[in-house]
Protein backbone atom coordinates (compact mmCIF):
# COMPACT_ATOMS: atom_id res chain seq x y z
CA MET A 1 77.06 -24.50 -21.28
CA TYR A 2 78.68 -28.00 -21.01
CA THR A 3 81.51 -29.87 -22.74
CA LEU A 4 81.66 -33.64 -22.24
CA SER A 5 84.67 -36.04 -23.34
CA GLY A 6 85.73 -39.44 -22.69
CA PHE A 7 82.66 -41.17 -23.79
CA PRO A 8 82.24 -43.80 -26.48
CA SER A 9 81.60 -42.33 -29.87
CA GLY A 10 78.05 -42.54 -31.10
CA VAL A 11 76.44 -43.32 -27.65
CA THR A 12 73.26 -41.36 -26.46
CA VAL A 13 74.00 -39.73 -23.15
CA GLN A 14 71.16 -38.60 -21.07
CA VAL A 15 71.50 -35.42 -18.68
CA LEU A 16 69.90 -35.42 -14.96
CA ILE A 17 69.99 -32.53 -12.57
CA ASP A 18 71.15 -33.75 -9.02
CA ASP A 19 70.91 -37.27 -10.25
CA GLY A 20 67.15 -36.98 -11.02
CA ALA A 21 66.33 -36.26 -7.23
CA LEU A 22 64.76 -32.88 -8.16
CA ALA A 23 62.51 -34.42 -10.82
CA ALA A 24 61.24 -37.25 -8.51
CA SER A 25 59.69 -34.54 -6.16
CA HIS A 26 57.78 -33.34 -9.28
CA PRO A 27 55.89 -36.55 -10.71
CA LEU A 28 54.76 -34.89 -14.06
CA GLU A 29 58.53 -33.89 -14.86
CA PRO A 30 60.72 -36.19 -16.64
CA GLU A 31 63.92 -37.33 -14.83
CA VAL A 32 66.09 -36.70 -18.10
CA VAL A 33 66.46 -33.10 -18.84
CA THR A 34 67.91 -33.43 -22.25
CA THR A 35 69.76 -36.12 -24.39
CA ILE A 36 73.00 -35.82 -26.42
CA THR A 37 74.67 -37.79 -28.96
CA VAL A 38 78.53 -38.03 -28.55
CA LYS A 39 80.64 -37.39 -31.78
CA LYS A 40 83.17 -39.58 -33.28
CA ASP A 41 85.97 -38.31 -31.15
CA GLY A 42 84.03 -39.00 -27.97
CA THR A 43 83.15 -35.48 -27.13
CA ALA A 44 79.94 -33.35 -26.99
CA ALA A 45 79.26 -29.68 -26.03
CA GLY A 46 76.15 -27.51 -26.07
CA SER A 47 73.69 -25.90 -23.74
CA PHE A 48 69.90 -26.40 -22.68
CA GLU A 49 67.52 -24.36 -20.53
CA LEU A 50 66.91 -25.63 -16.84
CA PRO A 51 63.46 -26.81 -15.98
CA GLU A 52 61.29 -24.52 -13.84
CA TYR A 53 61.49 -26.92 -10.96
CA VAL A 54 65.21 -26.11 -10.37
CA GLU A 55 65.44 -23.98 -7.52
CA GLN A 56 68.19 -21.42 -6.51
CA GLY A 57 71.40 -23.14 -4.81
CA ASN A 58 74.06 -25.49 -5.79
CA HIS A 59 73.34 -28.47 -8.34
CA TRP A 60 75.38 -30.81 -10.47
CA LEU A 61 74.60 -32.55 -13.81
CA ARG A 62 74.76 -36.40 -14.10
CA PHE A 63 75.74 -37.62 -17.69
CA ARG A 64 74.61 -41.12 -18.11
CA VAL A 65 74.86 -43.27 -21.13
CA PHE A 66 71.65 -44.65 -22.76
CA GLY A 67 72.16 -47.49 -24.86
CA ALA A 68 74.37 -50.66 -24.86
CA ARG A 69 77.32 -50.31 -26.93
CA GLY A 70 79.41 -47.48 -28.86
CA GLU A 71 80.05 -47.63 -32.41
CA SER A 72 83.37 -49.54 -32.26
CA GLY A 73 83.38 -53.05 -30.69
CA GLN A 74 86.59 -51.98 -28.88
CA GLU A 75 84.85 -49.77 -26.28
CA GLY A 76 83.29 -52.65 -24.28
CA ASN A 77 79.91 -52.01 -22.54
CA ALA A 78 79.11 -48.26 -22.85
CA ALA A 79 76.41 -48.71 -20.12
CA ASP A 80 79.19 -48.47 -17.73
CA TYR A 81 80.01 -44.64 -18.51
CA THR A 82 78.81 -42.00 -16.35
CA ASN A 83 80.06 -38.58 -15.15
CA LYS A 84 79.14 -36.28 -12.56
CA SER A 85 79.84 -32.40 -13.37
CA PRO A 86 81.27 -29.96 -10.93
CA TYR A 87 78.72 -28.06 -8.76
CA PHE A 88 77.07 -25.11 -10.36
CA THR A 89 75.09 -22.24 -8.67
CA VAL A 90 71.69 -21.33 -9.69
CA SER A 91 70.92 -17.86 -8.63
CA GLY A 92 67.97 -15.43 -9.52
CA VAL A 93 68.92 -14.91 -13.13
CA THR A 94 70.96 -17.66 -14.88
CA VAL A 95 72.03 -17.57 -18.46
CA ILE A 96 73.17 -20.70 -19.81
CA GLY A 97 74.36 -20.64 -23.41
CA GLY A 98 74.63 -18.17 -25.92
CA ALA A 99 71.33 -16.14 -25.55
CA ALA A 100 70.77 -12.73 -26.85
CA PRO A 101 72.19 -9.88 -24.38
CA PRO A 102 69.44 -8.61 -22.06
CA THR A 103 67.64 -5.46 -22.96
CA VAL A 104 68.08 -2.54 -20.70
CA PRO A 105 65.12 -0.41 -20.04
CA THR A 106 65.35 3.10 -21.04
CA ALA A 107 64.48 4.54 -17.61
CA PRO A 108 64.94 2.78 -14.26
CA THR A 109 62.07 2.11 -12.25
CA PRO A 110 62.39 2.51 -8.37
CA PRO A 111 61.37 -0.37 -6.23
CA PRO A 112 57.96 -0.24 -4.46
CA ARG A 113 57.92 1.12 -0.81
CA GLN A 114 55.74 0.71 2.08
CA VAL A 115 53.46 3.79 2.98
CA ALA A 116 52.02 3.78 6.45
CA ALA A 117 48.28 5.03 6.74
CA MET A 118 48.23 8.16 8.78
CA GLY A 119 45.24 9.23 11.01
CA ARG A 120 42.38 7.17 12.35
CA SER A 121 41.23 4.03 10.51
CA ASN A 122 37.50 3.99 9.63
CA GLY A 123 37.73 0.59 7.87
CA ALA A 124 38.05 1.93 4.57
CA GLY A 125 41.87 2.34 4.34
CA ALA A 126 44.71 -0.21 4.18
CA ALA A 127 47.40 -0.32 7.05
CA GLY A 128 49.87 -0.58 4.45
CA ILE A 129 49.90 0.39 0.68
CA GLN A 130 52.24 -0.17 -1.80
CA ALA A 131 53.49 2.87 -3.69
CA ALA A 132 55.85 3.21 -6.57
CA GLY A 133 57.03 6.21 -8.95
CA PRO A 134 59.63 8.76 -9.15
CA GLY A 135 58.88 10.03 -5.42
CA GLY A 136 58.91 6.61 -4.19
CA GLY A 137 62.58 6.07 -3.30
CA SER A 138 63.85 4.03 -0.51
CA THR A 139 63.86 6.20 2.98
CA GLY A 140 66.04 3.52 4.81
CA PHE A 141 69.27 5.01 4.65
CA PRO A 142 68.25 8.57 5.85
CA ILE A 143 66.48 6.85 8.91
CA ILE A 144 69.51 4.70 9.73
CA GLY A 145 71.92 7.60 9.21
CA ALA A 146 69.77 9.90 11.39
CA SER A 147 69.61 7.30 14.27
CA ILE A 148 73.24 6.72 14.10
CA LEU A 149 73.84 10.72 14.49
CA VAL A 150 71.41 10.70 17.38
CA LEU A 151 72.92 8.00 19.14
CA SER A 152 76.39 9.50 18.76
CA MET A 153 75.13 12.72 20.12
CA ILE A 154 73.67 11.06 23.13
CA LEU A 155 77.03 9.22 23.68
CA VAL A 156 78.65 12.72 23.54
CA VAL A 157 76.51 14.16 26.16
CA LEU A 158 76.72 11.23 28.46
CA SER A 159 80.58 11.29 28.24
CA VAL A 160 80.54 15.12 29.10
CA LEU A 161 78.06 14.38 32.03
CA VAL A 162 80.58 11.68 33.47
CA ALA A 163 83.51 13.95 33.12
CA ILE A 164 81.81 16.88 35.08
CA ASN A 165 80.62 14.54 37.64
CA ARG A 166 84.34 13.14 38.09
CA ARG A 167 85.61 16.66 38.62
CA ARG A 168 83.05 17.73 41.02
CA MET A 169 83.58 14.37 42.99
CA ALA A 170 87.48 14.98 42.99
CA ALA A 171 86.82 18.63 44.17
CA TYR A 172 84.56 17.43 46.97
CA GLN A 173 87.17 14.75 48.17
CA ARG A 174 89.98 17.41 48.15
CA ARG A 175 87.89 19.91 50.26
CA ARG A 176 86.88 16.94 52.60
CA ALA A 177 90.54 15.92 53.01
CA MET A 178 91.49 19.66 53.88
CA ALA A 179 88.99 19.95 56.61
């Protein structure tokens, strides 16, 4: 969604993304994303859909006047008017404007997981198979938790061994000093 103010009334404003640099890398795409006609009070507002070539990341809009003069002669040369918007971020899903709320699926579907092939490979099986379904939940957390537990137990055992060896060494040095 955008709002625009301070432009001469009645002029046509072209909207570019990143000053048209993205469109330059896509020769079949036009540089101008949309055009706007400024109202009598010098404002305009609305929304438009971003082209598919706009990738995720930070971008800006350039509002540039297309045409020679505004409706009133006092406004001078309208071609001198331009405005750069603040940066906006395009993420995986970007909703611009007043679209209908997204629909929610009735049952969540778990993400696919990797299943390693077990046993000997005779050329007919695959090394990794995508599996999905109710039993296909992520096994990453239990493996990580178990690994941390095992490492903690090893650390405790090593600490006990160090304490026992220090006591044995201290007892040995006392006996040696007495003799």
